Amino acid sequence: MIFEQREWSIARDDLVNSITSLGFPEELGNEIAKTLGSPKAIRRMISYLHHVRPYNVELIVDEMLAIRAEIDAWRDRKEALDANARYYEMRYYGLFDSDSE
């Protein structure tokens, strides 16, 4: 748990440094880090900032929303696959164990 918090904190600090080096306020970096949530997503945002070097806040926020949407879509797909697997397991084995009847 402590390692995860430290990793997130380091990623957040890197993001804030990238944001401020482009001339944007530190608060923007902090809010983007909170919205993205994970160090992996934050690092992806940092990569975008370094490669594209956006000139306005709208471009930065648009990329943040795109990254967040991909994370949410992946999570939704994973939940659907898990639910589908449980459904087919139920169909195969039935609702109740045969010993409990």
N, C-alpha and C. Protein backbone atom coordinates (compact mmCIF):
# COMPACT_ATOMS: atom_id res chain seq x y z
N MET A 1 0.82 -1.19 0.00
CA MET A 1 0.00 0.00 0.00
C MET A 1 0.87 1.26 0.00
N ILE A 2 1.90 1.27 0.83
CA ILE A 2 2.79 2.43 0.90
C ILE A 2 3.52 2.62 -0.42
N PHE A 3 3.95 1.51 -1.04
CA PHE A 3 4.64 1.59 -2.33
C PHE A 3 3.73 2.21 -3.38
N GLU A 4 2.46 1.79 -3.41
CA GLU A 4 1.51 2.32 -4.38
C GLU A 4 1.30 3.82 -4.18
N GLN A 5 1.18 4.25 -2.93
CA GLN A 5 1.00 5.67 -2.65
C GLN A 5 2.22 6.47 -3.07
N ARG A 6 3.39 5.91 -2.82
CA ARG A 6 4.63 6.59 -3.19
C ARG A 6 4.76 6.68 -4.71
N GLU A 7 4.43 5.58 -5.40
CA GLU A 7 4.48 5.57 -6.86
C GLU A 7 3.52 6.61 -7.44
N TRP A 8 2.31 6.68 -6.90
CA TRP A 8 1.33 7.67 -7.36
C TRP A 8 1.84 9.08 -7.10
N SER A 9 2.41 9.30 -5.92
CA SER A 9 2.91 10.62 -5.56
C SER A 9 4.05 11.06 -6.49
N ILE A 10 4.93 10.15 -6.82
CA ILE A 10 6.03 10.46 -7.74
C ILE A 10 5.48 10.79 -9.12
N ALA A 11 4.53 9.98 -9.59
CA ALA A 11 3.92 10.23 -10.91
C ALA A 11 3.22 11.58 -10.91
N ARG A 12 2.50 11.89 -9.84
CA ARG A 12 1.81 13.18 -9.74
C ARG A 12 2.80 14.33 -9.80
N ASP A 13 3.89 14.21 -9.05
CA ASP A 13 4.91 15.26 -9.05
C ASP A 13 5.51 15.45 -10.45
N ASP A 14 5.77 14.35 -11.14
CA ASP A 14 6.29 14.43 -12.51
C ASP A 14 5.29 15.13 -13.43
N LEU A 15 4.01 14.82 -13.26
CA LEU A 15 2.98 15.45 -14.08
C LEU A 15 2.91 16.95 -13.79
N VAL A 16 2.93 17.32 -12.53
CA VAL A 16 2.88 18.73 -12.16
C VAL A 16 4.09 19.46 -12.74
N ASN A 17 5.26 18.86 -12.69
CA ASN A 17 6.46 19.47 -13.27
C ASN A 17 6.30 19.65 -14.78
N SER A 18 5.74 18.65 -15.45
CA SER A 18 5.53 18.75 -16.89
C SER A 18 4.53 19.85 -17.23
N ILE A 19 3.46 19.93 -16.45
CA ILE A 19 2.43 20.96 -16.67
C ILE A 19 3.01 22.36 -16.44
N THR A 20 3.72 22.54 -15.35
CA THR A 20 4.26 23.88 -15.05
C THR A 20 5.36 24.27 -16.03
N SER A 21 6.11 23.30 -16.54
CA SER A 21 7.15 23.63 -17.52
C SER A 21 6.55 24.14 -18.83
N LEU A 22 5.27 23.82 -19.08
CA LEU A 22 4.57 24.33 -20.26
C LEU A 22 3.90 25.68 -19.99
N GLY A 23 4.00 26.14 -18.74
CA GLY A 23 3.44 27.45 -18.40
C GLY A 23 2.04 27.42 -17.81
N PHE A 24 1.58 26.24 -17.44
CA PHE A 24 0.24 26.10 -16.86
C PHE A 24 0.35 26.01 -15.34
N PRO A 25 -0.73 26.30 -14.61
CA PRO A 25 -0.67 26.29 -13.15
C PRO A 25 -0.53 24.88 -12.56
N GLU A 26 0.11 24.83 -11.42
CA GLU A 26 0.33 23.58 -10.68
C GLU A 26 -0.99 22.88 -10.37
N GLU A 27 -2.02 23.66 -10.06
CA GLU A 27 -3.33 23.09 -9.70
C GLU A 27 -3.90 22.24 -10.83
N LEU A 28 -3.63 22.63 -12.06
CA LEU A 28 -4.10 21.84 -13.21
C LEU A 28 -3.49 20.44 -13.16
N GLY A 29 -2.21 20.37 -12.89
CA GLY A 29 -1.54 19.06 -12.80
C GLY A 29 -2.11 18.21 -11.69
N ASN A 30 -2.36 18.82 -10.54
CA ASN A 30 -2.93 18.07 -9.41
C ASN A 30 -4.32 17.53 -9.74
N GLU A 31 -5.14 18.35 -10.37
CA GLU A 31 -6.50 17.91 -10.72
C GLU A 31 -6.48 16.81 -11.78
N ILE A 32 -5.59 16.93 -12.75
CA ILE A 32 -5.48 15.88 -13.78
C ILE A 32 -5.03 14.58 -13.14
N ALA A 33 -4.06 14.64 -12.23
CA ALA A 33 -3.59 13.43 -11.55
C ALA A 33 -4.73 12.76 -10.78
N LYS A 34 -5.53 13.56 -10.08
CA LYS A 34 -6.67 12.99 -9.34
C LYS A 34 -7.67 12.33 -10.29
N THR A 35 -7.93 12.99 -11.41
CA THR A 35 -8.92 12.46 -12.35
C THR A 35 -8.43 11.18 -13.01
N LEU A 36 -7.16 11.14 -13.36
CA LEU A 36 -6.63 9.94 -14.03
C LEU A 36 -6.52 8.78 -13.05
N GLY A 37 -6.08 9.05 -11.84
CA GLY A 37 -6.13 8.04 -10.79
C GLY A 37 -4.94 7.12 -10.65
N SER A 38 -4.39 6.61 -11.71
CA SER A 38 -3.31 5.63 -11.59
C SER A 38 -1.99 6.16 -12.13
N PRO A 39 -0.89 5.67 -11.58
CA PRO A 39 0.41 6.10 -12.09
C PRO A 39 0.59 5.80 -13.58
N LYS A 40 0.07 4.69 -14.03
CA LYS A 40 0.19 4.34 -15.45
C LYS A 40 -0.51 5.37 -16.34
N ALA A 41 -1.71 5.77 -15.96
CA ALA A 41 -2.45 6.77 -16.73
C ALA A 41 -1.76 8.13 -16.65
N ILE A 42 -1.23 8.45 -15.49
CA ILE A 42 -0.52 9.72 -15.33
C ILE A 42 0.72 9.74 -16.21
N ARG A 43 1.45 8.65 -16.26
CA ARG A 43 2.65 8.57 -17.10
C ARG A 43 2.27 8.68 -18.58
N ARG A 44 1.14 8.14 -18.93
CA ARG A 44 0.67 8.28 -20.31
C ARG A 44 0.40 9.75 -20.63
N MET A 45 -0.18 10.46 -19.69
CA MET A 45 -0.44 11.89 -19.87
C MET A 45 0.87 12.66 -19.99
N ILE A 46 1.86 12.32 -19.17
CA ILE A 46 3.16 12.97 -19.23
C ILE A 46 3.79 12.75 -20.60
N SER A 47 3.67 11.55 -21.11
CA SER A 47 4.22 11.26 -22.44
C SER A 47 3.56 12.14 -23.50
N TYR A 48 2.25 12.28 -23.41
CA TYR A 48 1.53 13.16 -24.34
C TYR A 48 2.06 14.59 -24.23
N LEU A 49 2.23 15.08 -23.02
CA LEU A 49 2.69 16.46 -22.81
C LEU A 49 4.08 16.67 -23.41
N HIS A 50 4.95 15.69 -23.25
CA HIS A 50 6.32 15.83 -23.76
C HIS A 50 6.38 15.75 -25.28
N HIS A 51 5.52 14.92 -25.87
CA HIS A 51 5.56 14.75 -27.33
C HIS A 51 4.79 15.84 -28.08
N VAL A 52 3.65 16.22 -27.56
CA VAL A 52 2.78 17.17 -28.27
C VAL A 52 3.08 18.61 -27.87
N ARG A 53 3.42 18.83 -26.60
CA ARG A 53 3.65 20.17 -26.06
C ARG A 53 2.46 21.08 -26.38
N PRO A 54 1.28 20.73 -25.85
CA PRO A 54 0.06 21.50 -26.15
C PRO A 54 0.18 22.95 -25.69
N TYR A 55 -0.48 23.81 -26.43
CA TYR A 55 -0.37 25.25 -26.16
C TYR A 55 -1.56 25.82 -25.40
N ASN A 56 -2.61 25.02 -25.19
CA ASN A 56 -3.73 25.55 -24.39
C ASN A 56 -4.32 24.46 -23.50
N VAL A 57 -5.05 24.91 -22.50
CA VAL A 57 -5.62 24.01 -21.50
C VAL A 57 -6.61 23.04 -22.13
N GLU A 58 -7.36 23.49 -23.12
CA GLU A 58 -8.38 22.64 -23.74
C GLU A 58 -7.77 21.36 -24.32
N LEU A 59 -6.59 21.48 -24.94
CA LEU A 59 -5.94 20.29 -25.50
C LEU A 59 -5.51 19.32 -24.41
N ILE A 60 -5.03 19.86 -23.31
CA ILE A 60 -4.61 19.02 -22.19
C ILE A 60 -5.80 18.30 -21.58
N VAL A 61 -6.87 19.04 -21.34
CA VAL A 61 -8.07 18.44 -20.74
C VAL A 61 -8.69 17.42 -21.69
N ASP A 62 -8.68 17.70 -22.98
CA ASP A 62 -9.22 16.77 -23.96
C ASP A 62 -8.46 15.44 -23.92
N GLU A 63 -7.14 15.51 -23.84
CA GLU A 63 -6.35 14.27 -23.76
C GLU A 63 -6.62 13.54 -22.46
N MET A 64 -6.74 14.27 -21.36
CA MET A 64 -7.05 13.65 -20.07
C MET A 64 -8.38 12.90 -20.15
N LEU A 65 -9.38 13.54 -20.76
CA LEU A 65 -10.68 12.89 -20.89
C LEU A 65 -10.61 11.67 -21.80
N ALA A 66 -9.80 11.72 -22.84
CA ALA A 66 -9.65 10.57 -23.73
C ALA A 66 -9.00 9.40 -22.99
N ILE A 67 -7.98 9.67 -22.21
CA ILE A 67 -7.32 8.62 -21.42
C ILE A 67 -8.31 8.04 -20.42
N ARG A 68 -9.05 8.89 -19.73
CA ARG A 68 -10.04 8.44 -18.74
C ARG A 68 -11.12 7.59 -19.40
N ALA A 69 -11.57 7.99 -20.60
CA ALA A 69 -12.60 7.24 -21.32
C ALA A 69 -12.10 5.85 -21.70
N GLU A 70 -10.84 5.75 -22.12
CA GLU A 70 -10.28 4.44 -22.45
C GLU A 70 -10.18 3.54 -21.23
N ILE A 71 -9.80 4.11 -20.10
CA ILE A 71 -9.74 3.34 -18.85
C ILE A 71 -11.12 2.84 -18.47
N ASP A 72 -12.12 3.72 -18.54
CA ASP A 72 -13.49 3.34 -18.20
C ASP A 72 -14.03 2.28 -19.15
N ALA A 73 -13.73 2.41 -20.45
CA ALA A 73 -14.19 1.43 -21.43
C ALA A 73 -13.55 0.07 -21.17
N TRP A 74 -12.27 0.07 -20.83
CA TRP A 74 -11.58 -1.19 -20.53
C TRP A 74 -12.21 -1.85 -19.30
N ARG A 75 -12.49 -1.04 -18.27
CA ARG A 75 -13.09 -1.57 -17.04
C ARG A 75 -14.49 -2.14 -17.33
N ASP A 76 -15.27 -1.44 -18.16
CA ASP A 76 -16.61 -1.92 -18.52
C ASP A 76 -16.52 -3.24 -19.29
N ARG A 77 -15.57 -3.34 -20.24
CA ARG A 77 -15.40 -4.59 -20.99
C ARG A 77 -15.03 -5.74 -20.06
N LYS A 78 -14.12 -5.47 -19.11
CA LYS A 78 -13.70 -6.51 -18.17
C LYS A 78 -14.88 -6.97 -17.31
N GLU A 79 -15.68 -6.05 -16.82
CA GLU A 79 -16.85 -6.41 -16.02
C GLU A 79 -17.85 -7.21 -16.85
N ALA A 80 -18.05 -6.84 -18.12
CA ALA A 80 -18.97 -7.57 -18.98
C ALA A 80 -18.46 -8.98 -19.25
N LEU A 81 -17.17 -9.13 -19.47
CA LEU A 81 -16.60 -10.46 -19.70
C LEU A 81 -16.75 -11.33 -18.45
N ASP A 82 -16.51 -10.76 -17.27
CA ASP A 82 -16.66 -11.51 -16.03
C ASP A 82 -18.11 -11.93 -15.82
N ALA A 83 -19.04 -11.02 -16.07
CA ALA A 83 -20.46 -11.34 -15.91
C ALA A 83 -20.87 -12.42 -16.91
N ASN A 84 -20.38 -12.33 -18.12
CA ASN A 84 -20.70 -13.32 -19.14
C ASN A 84 -20.15 -14.69 -18.74
N ALA A 85 -18.96 -14.73 -18.20
CA ALA A 85 -18.37 -16.00 -17.77
C ALA A 85 -19.20 -16.62 -16.64
N ARG A 86 -19.64 -15.81 -15.70
CA ARG A 86 -20.48 -16.32 -14.60
C ARG A 86 -21.82 -16.83 -15.12
N TYR A 87 -22.38 -16.12 -16.10
CA TYR A 87 -23.66 -16.53 -16.68
C TYR A 87 -23.53 -17.90 -17.34
N TYR A 88 -22.49 -18.09 -18.15
CA TYR A 88 -22.33 -19.38 -18.82
C TYR A 88 -21.96 -20.49 -17.85
N GLU A 89 -21.25 -20.14 -16.79
CA GLU A 89 -20.97 -21.12 -15.75
C GLU A 89 -22.26 -21.56 -15.07
N MET A 90 -23.15 -20.59 -14.81
CA MET A 90 -24.44 -20.91 -14.20
C MET A 90 -25.27 -21.80 -15.13
N ARG A 91 -25.25 -21.49 -16.42
CA ARG A 91 -26.01 -22.30 -17.38
C ARG A 91 -25.46 -23.72 -17.46
N TYR A 92 -24.14 -23.84 -17.37
CA TYR A 92 -23.52 -25.15 -17.48
C TYR A 92 -23.76 -25.98 -16.22
N TYR A 93 -23.55 -25.37 -15.04
CA TYR A 93 -23.66 -26.10 -13.78
C TYR A 93 -25.05 -25.99 -13.14
N GLY A 94 -25.86 -25.07 -13.59
CA GLY A 94 -27.18 -24.87 -13.00
C GLY A 94 -27.11 -23.85 -11.87
N LEU A 95 -28.30 -23.47 -11.41
CA LEU A 95 -28.37 -22.47 -10.35
C LEU A 95 -27.98 -23.03 -8.99
N PHE A 96 -28.32 -24.28 -8.76
CA PHE A 96 -28.09 -24.86 -7.43
C PHE A 96 -27.24 -26.10 -7.57
N ASP A 97 -26.51 -26.37 -6.52
CA ASP A 97 -25.70 -27.58 -6.45
C ASP A 97 -26.65 -28.76 -6.31
N SER A 98 -26.40 -29.86 -6.98
CA SER A 98 -27.30 -31.01 -6.95
C SER A 98 -27.39 -31.65 -5.56
N ASP A 99 -26.37 -31.47 -4.71
CA ASP A 99 -26.38 -32.05 -3.36
C ASP A 99 -27.34 -31.30 -2.42
N SER A 100 -27.64 -30.04 -2.73
CA SER A 100 -28.47 -29.25 -1.82
C SER A 100 -29.96 -29.48 -2.06
N GLU A 101 -30.36 -30.22 -3.07
CA GLU A 101 -31.79 -30.44 -3.32
C GLU A 101 -32.35 -31.57 -2.53
